[in-house]
């Protein structure tokens, strides 16, 4: 599967953004999807994951209550709605995919990665 993430940009602290990740192929619904982020000089970190049907999700503590992950299997797209953005949310955001069950949260558990979309939150 090929993934393309978009929707990043520059936003003021407290603002909102919606990221999208479009997947190629006809088996999107067989993939667990996730968002990770990587700030300058830091390791890539988990943000959120969603199971194949969209019925179950998991979030990093740092974004819980502010970010929402959801998917539209008919459109082969996963989204990350971000509210109450903080300067510490500034990073390149990556979508990732793996064919498995469950809600993986580690970089090494994912087989496919998008190219990343940059989010900058200014104070």
C-alpha atoms as a PDB file:
ATOM      1  CA  UNK A   1       0.000   0.000   0.000  1.00  0.00           C
ATOM      2  CA  UNK A   2       1.173   3.520  -0.739  1.00  0.00           C
ATOM      3  CA  UNK A   3       0.338   6.324   1.658  1.00  0.00           C
ATOM      4  CA  UNK A   4       0.208  10.053   1.085  1.00  0.00           C
ATOM      5  CA  UNK A   5      -0.276  12.422   3.988  1.00  0.00           C
ATOM      6  CA  UNK A   6      -1.369  16.012   3.638  1.00  0.00           C
ATOM      7  CA  UNK A   7      -3.074  18.817   5.499  1.00  0.00           C
ATOM      8  CA  UNK A   8      -0.204  20.188   7.548  1.00  0.00           C
ATOM      9  CA  UNK A   9       0.564  23.855   7.878  1.00  0.00           C
ATOM     10  CA  UNK A  10       1.203  26.766  10.181  1.00  0.00           C
ATOM     11  CA  UNK A  11      -1.344  27.406  12.914  1.00  0.00           C
ATOM     12  CA  UNK A  12      -1.515  29.537  16.037  1.00  0.00           C
ATOM     13  CA  UNK A  13      -1.527  27.893  19.434  1.00  0.00           C
ATOM     14  CA  UNK A  14      -5.071  26.908  20.328  1.00  0.00           C
ATOM     15  CA  UNK A  15      -5.995  26.386  16.717  1.00  0.00           C
ATOM     16  CA  UNK A  16      -7.066  23.303  14.799  1.00  0.00           C
ATOM     17  CA  UNK A  17      -5.908  21.292  11.820  1.00  0.00           C
ATOM     18  CA  UNK A  18      -7.095  18.143  10.101  1.00  0.00           C
ATOM     19  CA  UNK A  19      -4.556  15.818   8.580  1.00  0.00           C
ATOM     20  CA  UNK A  20      -5.490  13.276   5.930  1.00  0.00           C
ATOM     21  CA  UNK A  21      -3.723  10.188   4.698  1.00  0.00           C
ATOM     22  CA  UNK A  22      -4.853   8.658   1.436  1.00  0.00           C
ATOM     23  CA  UNK A  23      -3.982   5.041   0.676  1.00  0.00           C
ATOM     24  CA  UNK A  24      -3.721   3.283  -2.639  1.00  0.00           C
ATOM     25  CA  UNK A  25      -5.034  -0.195  -3.273  1.00  0.00           C
ATOM     26  CA  UNK A  26      -8.262  -2.076  -2.675  1.00  0.00           C
ATOM     27  CA  UNK A  27      -7.531  -3.577   0.722  1.00  0.00           C
ATOM     28  CA  UNK A  28      -7.429  -0.467   2.879  1.00  0.00           C
ATOM     29  CA  UNK A  29      -9.895  -1.948   5.346  1.00  0.00           C
ATOM     30  CA  UNK A  30      -7.454  -4.755   6.139  1.00  0.00           C
ATOM     31  CA  UNK A  31      -4.873  -2.314   7.528  1.00  0.00           C
ATOM     32  CA  UNK A  32      -4.518  -0.892  10.976  1.00  0.00           C
ATOM     33  CA  UNK A  33      -3.662   2.773  10.500  1.00  0.00           C
ATOM     34  CA  UNK A  34      -1.716   5.122  12.727  1.00  0.00           C
ATOM     35  CA  UNK A  35      -0.216   8.558  13.027  1.00  0.00           C
ATOM     36  CA  UNK A  36       3.258   9.232  14.344  1.00  0.00           C
ATOM     37  CA  UNK A  37       5.210  12.463  14.600  1.00  0.00           C
ATOM     38  CA  UNK A  38       8.810  13.509  14.700  1.00  0.00           C
ATOM     39  CA  UNK A  39      10.000  16.823  16.055  1.00  0.00           C
ATOM     40  CA  UNK A  40      13.415  18.217  15.082  1.00  0.00           C
ATOM     41  CA  UNK A  41      16.179  16.385  16.905  1.00  0.00           C
ATOM     42  CA  UNK A  42      13.807  13.861  18.442  1.00  0.00           C
ATOM     43  CA  UNK A  43      12.794  10.301  17.733  1.00  0.00           C
ATOM     44  CA  UNK A  44       9.584   9.463  15.928  1.00  0.00           C
ATOM     45  CA  UNK A  45       6.797   9.020  18.456  1.00  0.00           C
ATOM     46  CA  UNK A  46       3.366   7.458  18.504  1.00  0.00           C
ATOM     47  CA  UNK A  47       0.333   9.743  18.284  1.00  0.00           C
ATOM     48  CA  UNK A  48      -2.711   7.580  17.575  1.00  0.00           C
ATOM     49  CA  UNK A  49      -3.860   4.339  16.016  1.00  0.00           C
ATOM     50  CA  UNK A  50      -7.175   2.988  14.738  1.00  0.00           C
ATOM     51  CA  UNK A  51      -8.250  -0.558  14.055  1.00  0.00           C
ATOM     52  CA  UNK A  52      -9.379  -1.873  10.709  1.00  0.00           C
ATOM     53  CA  UNK A  53     -13.077  -1.148  11.119  1.00  0.00           C
ATOM     54  CA  UNK A  54     -12.604   2.156  12.907  1.00  0.00           C
ATOM     55  CA  UNK A  55     -14.381   0.904  16.014  1.00  0.00           C
ATOM     56  CA  UNK A  56     -11.376   1.131  18.308  1.00  0.00           C
ATOM     57  CA  UNK A  57      -8.679   3.768  18.795  1.00  0.00           C
ATOM     58  CA  UNK A  58      -5.692   4.505  20.989  1.00  0.00           C
ATOM     59  CA  UNK A  59      -3.909   7.773  21.761  1.00  0.00           C
ATOM     60  CA  UNK A  60      -0.699   8.986  23.272  1.00  0.00           C
ATOM     61  CA  UNK A  61      -1.292  10.659  26.630  1.00  0.00           C
ATOM     62  CA  UNK A  62       0.057  13.939  25.288  1.00  0.00           C
ATOM     63  CA  UNK A  63      -2.746  14.251  22.705  1.00  0.00           C
ATOM     64  CA  UNK A  64      -5.636  12.478  24.416  1.00  0.00           C
ATOM     65  CA  UNK A  65      -8.718  14.668  24.503  1.00  0.00           C
ATOM     66  CA  UNK A  66      -7.341  17.024  21.846  1.00  0.00           C
ATOM     67  CA  UNK A  67      -6.808  14.756  18.828  1.00  0.00           C
ATOM     68  CA  UNK A  68      -9.249  12.379  17.162  1.00  0.00           C
ATOM     69  CA  UNK A  69      -8.361   9.682  14.654  1.00  0.00           C
ATOM     70  CA  UNK A  70     -11.003   8.329  12.306  1.00  0.00           C
ATOM     71  CA  UNK A  71     -11.160   6.594   8.963  1.00  0.00           C
ATOM     72  CA  UNK A  72     -13.372   6.274   5.927  1.00  0.00           C
ATOM     73  CA  UNK A  73     -12.763   2.876   4.375  1.00  0.00           C
ATOM     74  CA  UNK A  74     -14.888   3.757   1.355  1.00  0.00           C
ATOM     75  CA  UNK A  75     -12.473   6.602   0.601  1.00  0.00           C
ATOM     76  CA  UNK A  76      -9.289   4.756   1.615  1.00  0.00           C
ATOM     77  CA  UNK A  77      -8.456   7.611   3.937  1.00  0.00           C
ATOM     78  CA  UNK A  78      -7.534   8.047   7.579  1.00  0.00           C
ATOM     79  CA  UNK A  79      -7.754  11.399   9.319  1.00  0.00           C
ATOM     80  CA  UNK A  80      -6.301  13.082  12.364  1.00  0.00           C
ATOM     81  CA  UNK A  81      -8.385  15.952  13.684  1.00  0.00           C
ATOM     82  CA  UNK A  82      -6.278  18.126  15.961  1.00  0.00           C
ATOM     83  CA  UNK A  83      -7.716  20.732  18.322  1.00  0.00           C
ATOM     84  CA  UNK A  84      -6.178  22.976  20.992  1.00  0.00           C
ATOM     85  CA  UNK A  85      -2.813  22.741  19.325  1.00  0.00           C
ATOM     86  CA  UNK A  86       0.269  23.577  21.336  1.00  0.00           C
ATOM     87  CA  UNK A  87       3.777  24.606  20.236  1.00  0.00           C
ATOM     88  CA  UNK A  88       5.004  21.212  21.435  1.00  0.00           C
ATOM     89  CA  UNK A  89       2.801  19.586  18.779  1.00  0.00           C
ATOM     90  CA  UNK A  90       5.130  21.016  16.130  1.00  0.00           C
ATOM     91  CA  UNK A  91       6.526  18.111  14.129  1.00  0.00           C
ATOM     92  CA  UNK A  92       6.394  16.243  10.875  1.00  0.00           C
ATOM     93  CA  UNK A  93       3.396  13.931  11.051  1.00  0.00           C
ATOM     94  CA  UNK A  94       3.529  10.529   9.379  1.00  0.00           C
ATOM     95  CA  UNK A  95       0.771   8.055   8.671  1.00  0.00           C
ATOM     96  CA  UNK A  96       1.567   4.367   8.829  1.00  0.00           C
ATOM     97  CA  UNK A  97      -0.131   1.096   8.002  1.00  0.00           C
ATOM     98  CA  UNK A  98       0.159  -2.572   8.879  1.00  0.00           C
ATOM     99  CA  UNK A  99      -1.968  -5.620   8.088  1.00  0.00           C
ATOM    100  CA  UNK A 100      -2.765  -7.081  11.488  1.00  0.00           C
ATOM    101  CA  UNK A 101      -5.265  -7.013  14.292  1.00  0.00           C
ATOM    102  CA  UNK A 102      -5.005  -4.988  17.438  1.00  0.00           C
ATOM    103  CA  UNK A 103      -3.764  -1.455  18.076  1.00  0.00           C
ATOM    104  CA  UNK A 104       0.002  -1.357  17.692  1.00  0.00           C
ATOM    105  CA  UNK A 105       1.832   1.717  18.991  1.00  0.00           C
ATOM    106  CA  UNK A 106       5.467   1.161  18.051  1.00  0.00           C
ATOM    107  CA  UNK A 107       7.333   2.345  14.969  1.00  0.00           C
ATOM    108  CA  UNK A 108       8.767  -1.127  14.313  1.00  0.00           C
ATOM    109  CA  UNK A 109       5.293  -2.678  14.136  1.00  0.00           C
ATOM    110  CA  UNK A 110       4.328  -0.779  10.980  1.00  0.00           C
ATOM    111  CA  UNK A 111       5.296  -1.818   7.457  1.00  0.00           C
ATOM    112  CA  UNK A 112       4.224   1.141   5.331  1.00  0.00           C
ATOM    113  CA  UNK A 113       4.820   4.853   5.802  1.00  0.00           C
ATOM    114  CA  UNK A 114       3.698   8.029   4.142  1.00  0.00           C
ATOM    115  CA  UNK A 115       6.062  10.865   3.307  1.00  0.00           C
ATOM    116  CA  UNK A 116       5.037  13.119   6.198  1.00  0.00           C
ATOM    117  CA  UNK A 117       3.302  16.452   6.451  1.00  0.00           C
ATOM    118  CA  UNK A 118       4.697  19.290   8.532  1.00  0.00           C
ATOM    119  CA  UNK A 119       2.725  20.920  11.319  1.00  0.00           C
ATOM    120  CA  UNK A 120       4.010  24.102  12.914  1.00  0.00           C
ATOM    121  CA  UNK A 121       2.243  25.592  15.912  1.00  0.00           C
ATOM    122  CA  UNK A 122       3.340  29.097  16.789  1.00  0.00           C
ATOM    123  CA  UNK A 123       2.815  30.817  20.095  1.00  0.00           C
END
